[in-house]
N, C-alpha and C. Protein backbone atom coordinates (compact mmCIF):
# COMPACT_ATOMS: atom_id res chain seq x y z
N UNK A 1 26.92 7.47 -4.78
CA UNK A 1 27.88 6.65 -4.08
C UNK A 1 27.57 5.19 -4.41
N UNK A 2 28.57 4.44 -4.74
CA UNK A 2 28.37 3.03 -5.04
C UNK A 2 28.10 2.24 -3.76
N UNK A 3 27.53 1.06 -3.90
CA UNK A 3 27.26 0.21 -2.75
C UNK A 3 28.56 -0.15 -2.03
N UNK A 4 29.60 -0.49 -2.77
CA UNK A 4 30.88 -0.82 -2.14
C UNK A 4 31.42 0.36 -1.34
N UNK A 5 31.32 1.57 -1.89
CA UNK A 5 31.77 2.76 -1.17
C UNK A 5 30.92 3.00 0.08
N UNK A 6 29.62 2.82 -0.07
CA UNK A 6 28.71 3.02 1.06
C UNK A 6 29.02 2.06 2.21
N UNK A 7 29.30 0.81 1.89
CA UNK A 7 29.55 -0.19 2.92
C UNK A 7 30.90 0.01 3.62
N UNK A 8 31.78 0.82 3.07
CA UNK A 8 33.06 1.08 3.74
C UNK A 8 33.02 2.35 4.59
N UNK A 9 31.89 3.01 4.64
CA UNK A 9 31.76 4.22 5.47
C UNK A 9 31.50 3.83 6.92
N UNK A 10 31.44 4.82 7.77
CA UNK A 10 31.14 4.59 9.19
C UNK A 10 29.65 4.74 9.48
N UNK A 11 28.81 4.73 8.45
CA UNK A 11 27.36 4.86 8.65
C UNK A 11 26.77 3.69 9.41
N UNK A 12 27.34 2.50 9.19
CA UNK A 12 26.76 1.29 9.75
C UNK A 12 27.48 0.84 11.02
N UNK A 13 26.76 0.15 11.89
CA UNK A 13 27.33 -0.35 13.13
C UNK A 13 27.98 -1.71 12.96
N UNK A 14 28.11 -2.18 11.75
CA UNK A 14 28.72 -3.47 11.50
C UNK A 14 29.62 -3.36 10.28
N UNK A 15 30.54 -4.29 10.15
CA UNK A 15 31.35 -4.36 8.94
C UNK A 15 30.49 -4.91 7.82
N UNK A 16 30.96 -4.77 6.61
CA UNK A 16 30.22 -5.31 5.48
C UNK A 16 29.92 -6.78 5.74
N UNK A 17 28.67 -7.19 5.60
CA UNK A 17 28.31 -8.58 5.90
C UNK A 17 29.04 -9.56 4.99
N UNK A 18 29.30 -10.72 5.54
CA UNK A 18 29.97 -11.78 4.79
C UNK A 18 28.94 -12.51 3.93
N UNK A 19 29.25 -12.67 2.67
CA UNK A 19 28.40 -13.45 1.78
C UNK A 19 27.08 -12.83 1.37
N UNK A 20 26.94 -11.51 1.37
CA UNK A 20 25.65 -10.97 0.93
C UNK A 20 25.53 -11.06 -0.59
N UNK A 21 24.30 -11.07 -1.04
CA UNK A 21 24.06 -10.95 -2.47
C UNK A 21 23.95 -9.47 -2.74
N UNK A 22 24.74 -8.98 -3.67
CA UNK A 22 24.64 -7.56 -3.95
C UNK A 22 24.68 -7.31 -5.44
N UNK A 23 24.01 -6.25 -5.81
CA UNK A 23 24.03 -5.75 -7.17
C UNK A 23 24.40 -4.28 -7.06
N UNK A 24 24.39 -3.58 -8.15
CA UNK A 24 24.71 -2.16 -8.08
C UNK A 24 23.59 -1.35 -7.44
N UNK A 25 22.42 -1.97 -7.21
CA UNK A 25 21.28 -1.23 -6.66
C UNK A 25 20.65 -1.86 -5.42
N UNK A 26 21.23 -2.96 -4.87
CA UNK A 26 20.62 -3.58 -3.69
C UNK A 26 21.63 -4.45 -2.95
N UNK A 27 21.42 -4.60 -1.66
CA UNK A 27 22.21 -5.48 -0.81
C UNK A 27 21.23 -6.37 -0.06
N UNK A 28 21.36 -7.67 -0.22
CA UNK A 28 20.49 -8.62 0.46
C UNK A 28 21.36 -9.53 1.33
N UNK A 29 21.05 -9.59 2.62
CA UNK A 29 21.79 -10.45 3.53
C UNK A 29 21.35 -11.89 3.33
N UNK A 30 22.21 -12.82 3.69
CA UNK A 30 21.87 -14.23 3.57
C UNK A 30 20.65 -14.55 4.43
N UNK A 31 19.83 -15.47 3.97
CA UNK A 31 18.65 -15.94 4.69
C UNK A 31 17.60 -14.86 4.93
N UNK A 32 17.57 -13.84 4.09
CA UNK A 32 16.50 -12.85 4.18
C UNK A 32 15.78 -12.78 2.83
N UNK A 33 14.47 -12.63 2.86
CA UNK A 33 13.70 -12.65 1.61
C UNK A 33 13.67 -11.31 0.86
N UNK A 34 14.20 -10.27 1.47
CA UNK A 34 14.13 -8.95 0.84
C UNK A 34 15.45 -8.22 1.08
N UNK A 35 15.76 -7.22 0.25
CA UNK A 35 17.02 -6.49 0.42
C UNK A 35 17.05 -5.66 1.70
N UNK A 36 18.23 -5.51 2.27
CA UNK A 36 18.43 -4.60 3.39
C UNK A 36 18.46 -3.17 2.87
N UNK A 37 19.26 -2.96 1.85
CA UNK A 37 19.39 -1.64 1.21
C UNK A 37 18.95 -1.74 -0.23
N UNK A 38 18.31 -0.71 -0.70
CA UNK A 38 17.94 -0.62 -2.11
C UNK A 38 18.27 0.77 -2.60
N UNK A 39 18.42 0.90 -3.89
CA UNK A 39 18.65 2.21 -4.48
C UNK A 39 17.48 2.54 -5.39
N UNK A 40 17.02 3.75 -5.29
CA UNK A 40 15.92 4.20 -6.14
C UNK A 40 15.96 5.70 -6.25
N UNK A 41 15.06 6.24 -7.01
CA UNK A 41 15.00 7.69 -7.17
C UNK A 41 14.37 8.33 -5.95
N UNK A 42 14.97 9.43 -5.49
CA UNK A 42 14.42 10.20 -4.38
C UNK A 42 13.05 10.72 -4.82
N UNK A 43 12.02 10.61 -3.96
CA UNK A 43 10.67 10.98 -4.38
C UNK A 43 10.49 12.46 -4.72
N UNK A 44 11.32 13.33 -4.14
CA UNK A 44 11.19 14.75 -4.42
C UNK A 44 12.25 15.24 -5.41
N UNK A 45 13.49 14.84 -5.18
CA UNK A 45 14.60 15.33 -6.00
C UNK A 45 14.76 14.58 -7.32
N UNK A 46 14.29 13.33 -7.35
CA UNK A 46 14.44 12.54 -8.57
C UNK A 46 15.86 12.05 -8.82
N UNK A 47 16.72 12.15 -7.82
CA UNK A 47 18.10 11.69 -7.95
C UNK A 47 18.24 10.34 -7.26
N UNK A 48 19.22 9.52 -7.68
CA UNK A 48 19.40 8.22 -7.02
C UNK A 48 19.76 8.39 -5.54
N UNK A 49 19.19 7.55 -4.70
CA UNK A 49 19.51 7.56 -3.28
C UNK A 49 19.39 6.15 -2.72
N UNK A 50 20.04 5.89 -1.61
CA UNK A 50 19.96 4.60 -0.92
C UNK A 50 18.92 4.70 0.17
N UNK A 51 18.19 3.63 0.39
CA UNK A 51 17.20 3.61 1.46
C UNK A 51 17.09 2.20 2.02
N UNK A 52 16.65 2.12 3.28
CA UNK A 52 16.37 0.82 3.87
C UNK A 52 15.13 0.28 3.22
N UNK A 53 15.18 -0.96 2.82
CA UNK A 53 14.04 -1.55 2.15
C UNK A 53 12.87 -1.61 3.13
N UNK A 54 11.69 -1.13 2.74
CA UNK A 54 10.58 -0.98 3.69
C UNK A 54 9.72 -2.22 3.94
N UNK A 55 10.00 -3.33 3.30
CA UNK A 55 9.09 -4.48 3.37
C UNK A 55 8.70 -4.90 4.80
N UNK A 56 9.63 -5.00 5.69
CA UNK A 56 9.33 -5.50 7.03
C UNK A 56 9.32 -4.41 8.11
N UNK A 57 9.36 -3.16 7.69
CA UNK A 57 9.38 -2.06 8.66
C UNK A 57 8.15 -2.09 9.56
N UNK A 58 6.97 -2.18 8.96
CA UNK A 58 5.72 -2.16 9.74
C UNK A 58 5.68 -3.31 10.73
N UNK A 59 6.05 -4.50 10.30
CA UNK A 59 6.01 -5.67 11.19
C UNK A 59 7.01 -5.53 12.33
N UNK A 60 8.20 -5.01 12.04
CA UNK A 60 9.22 -4.86 13.07
C UNK A 60 8.79 -3.85 14.13
N UNK A 61 8.30 -2.71 13.69
CA UNK A 61 7.88 -1.68 14.64
C UNK A 61 6.61 -2.12 15.37
N UNK A 62 5.69 -2.78 14.67
CA UNK A 62 4.45 -3.23 15.31
C UNK A 62 4.73 -4.20 16.45
N UNK A 63 5.74 -5.03 16.27
CA UNK A 63 6.10 -5.96 17.35
C UNK A 63 6.55 -5.20 18.59
N UNK A 64 7.33 -4.15 18.40
CA UNK A 64 7.76 -3.33 19.53
C UNK A 64 6.60 -2.56 20.14
N UNK A 65 5.72 -2.05 19.31
CA UNK A 65 4.55 -1.30 19.80
C UNK A 65 3.70 -2.19 20.70
N UNK A 66 3.50 -3.44 20.31
CA UNK A 66 2.70 -4.37 21.14
C UNK A 66 3.34 -4.56 22.52
N UNK A 67 4.65 -4.51 22.58
CA UNK A 67 5.34 -4.72 23.86
C UNK A 67 5.22 -3.52 24.79
N UNK A 68 5.12 -2.32 24.23
CA UNK A 68 5.13 -1.12 25.08
C UNK A 68 3.79 -0.38 25.09
N UNK A 69 2.82 -0.86 24.33
CA UNK A 69 1.55 -0.15 24.18
C UNK A 69 0.80 -0.04 25.50
N UNK A 70 0.17 1.10 25.66
CA UNK A 70 -0.71 1.34 26.79
C UNK A 70 -2.09 1.69 26.24
N UNK A 71 -3.10 1.34 26.96
CA UNK A 71 -4.48 1.52 26.49
C UNK A 71 -4.83 2.98 26.26
N UNK A 72 -4.34 3.86 27.08
CA UNK A 72 -4.78 5.26 27.02
C UNK A 72 -3.86 6.17 26.18
N UNK A 73 -3.13 5.63 25.23
CA UNK A 73 -2.30 6.47 24.38
C UNK A 73 -3.16 7.38 23.52
N UNK A 74 -2.82 8.66 23.49
CA UNK A 74 -3.50 9.57 22.57
C UNK A 74 -2.96 9.33 21.17
N UNK A 75 -3.67 9.80 20.17
CA UNK A 75 -3.23 9.60 18.78
C UNK A 75 -1.89 10.29 18.52
N UNK A 76 -1.70 11.49 19.07
CA UNK A 76 -0.44 12.21 18.90
C UNK A 76 0.71 11.45 19.54
N UNK A 77 0.49 10.93 20.74
CA UNK A 77 1.54 10.18 21.42
C UNK A 77 1.83 8.89 20.68
N UNK A 78 0.80 8.23 20.17
CA UNK A 78 0.97 6.97 19.43
C UNK A 78 1.88 7.19 18.22
N UNK A 79 1.66 8.27 17.47
CA UNK A 79 2.48 8.58 16.29
C UNK A 79 3.92 8.89 16.70
N UNK A 80 4.09 9.69 17.74
CA UNK A 80 5.43 10.02 18.21
C UNK A 80 6.14 8.78 18.72
N UNK A 81 5.43 7.91 19.41
CA UNK A 81 6.04 6.68 19.93
C UNK A 81 6.41 5.74 18.79
N UNK A 82 5.58 5.65 17.73
CA UNK A 82 5.89 4.82 16.57
C UNK A 82 7.19 5.31 15.93
N UNK A 83 7.31 6.62 15.76
CA UNK A 83 8.53 7.19 15.17
C UNK A 83 9.73 6.91 16.05
N UNK A 84 9.57 7.03 17.35
CA UNK A 84 10.64 6.74 18.30
C UNK A 84 11.08 5.28 18.18
N UNK A 85 10.13 4.35 18.10
CA UNK A 85 10.46 2.93 17.97
C UNK A 85 11.10 2.63 16.61
N UNK A 86 10.66 3.34 15.55
CA UNK A 86 11.28 3.16 14.24
C UNK A 86 12.74 3.61 14.28
N UNK A 87 12.99 4.76 14.91
CA UNK A 87 14.37 5.24 15.03
C UNK A 87 15.23 4.28 15.84
N UNK A 88 14.66 3.68 16.89
CA UNK A 88 15.41 2.69 17.66
C UNK A 88 15.74 1.46 16.81
N UNK A 89 14.78 1.05 15.97
CA UNK A 89 15.01 -0.11 15.10
C UNK A 89 16.11 0.18 14.09
N UNK A 90 16.02 1.30 13.40
CA UNK A 90 17.03 1.67 12.43
C UNK A 90 18.37 1.91 13.12
N UNK A 91 18.33 2.45 14.32
CA UNK A 91 19.55 2.73 15.07
C UNK A 91 20.34 1.49 15.45
N UNK A 92 19.74 0.32 15.34
CA UNK A 92 20.50 -0.89 15.63
C UNK A 92 21.44 -1.23 14.49
N UNK A 93 21.21 -0.63 13.32
CA UNK A 93 22.03 -0.90 12.14
C UNK A 93 22.88 0.31 11.76
N UNK A 94 22.33 1.50 11.90
CA UNK A 94 22.97 2.72 11.43
C UNK A 94 23.41 3.57 12.60
N UNK A 95 24.58 4.20 12.48
CA UNK A 95 25.04 5.16 13.47
C UNK A 95 24.26 6.45 13.29
N UNK A 96 23.29 6.68 14.16
CA UNK A 96 22.48 7.90 14.06
C UNK A 96 23.09 9.01 14.88
């Protein structure tokens, strides 16, 4: 699927951004140092796929973790909570 086709779907909670820099393999919003979407080969299938650029994922989720962290979290709960916070972060952009 081309980037233009992808941006016209109902996957996203916003209309195509105004003035983004885009190529056939990436979409970068204005005033951001890294792409929002990138295209690369799927790690298992080896076919082209779109993915959220991972550069700031850790920092974004870590900020939320600091806000809700409790001292007595077990390791299993910590991992589940991290995934929950990641889904909430992605869910602000994508219709999950």
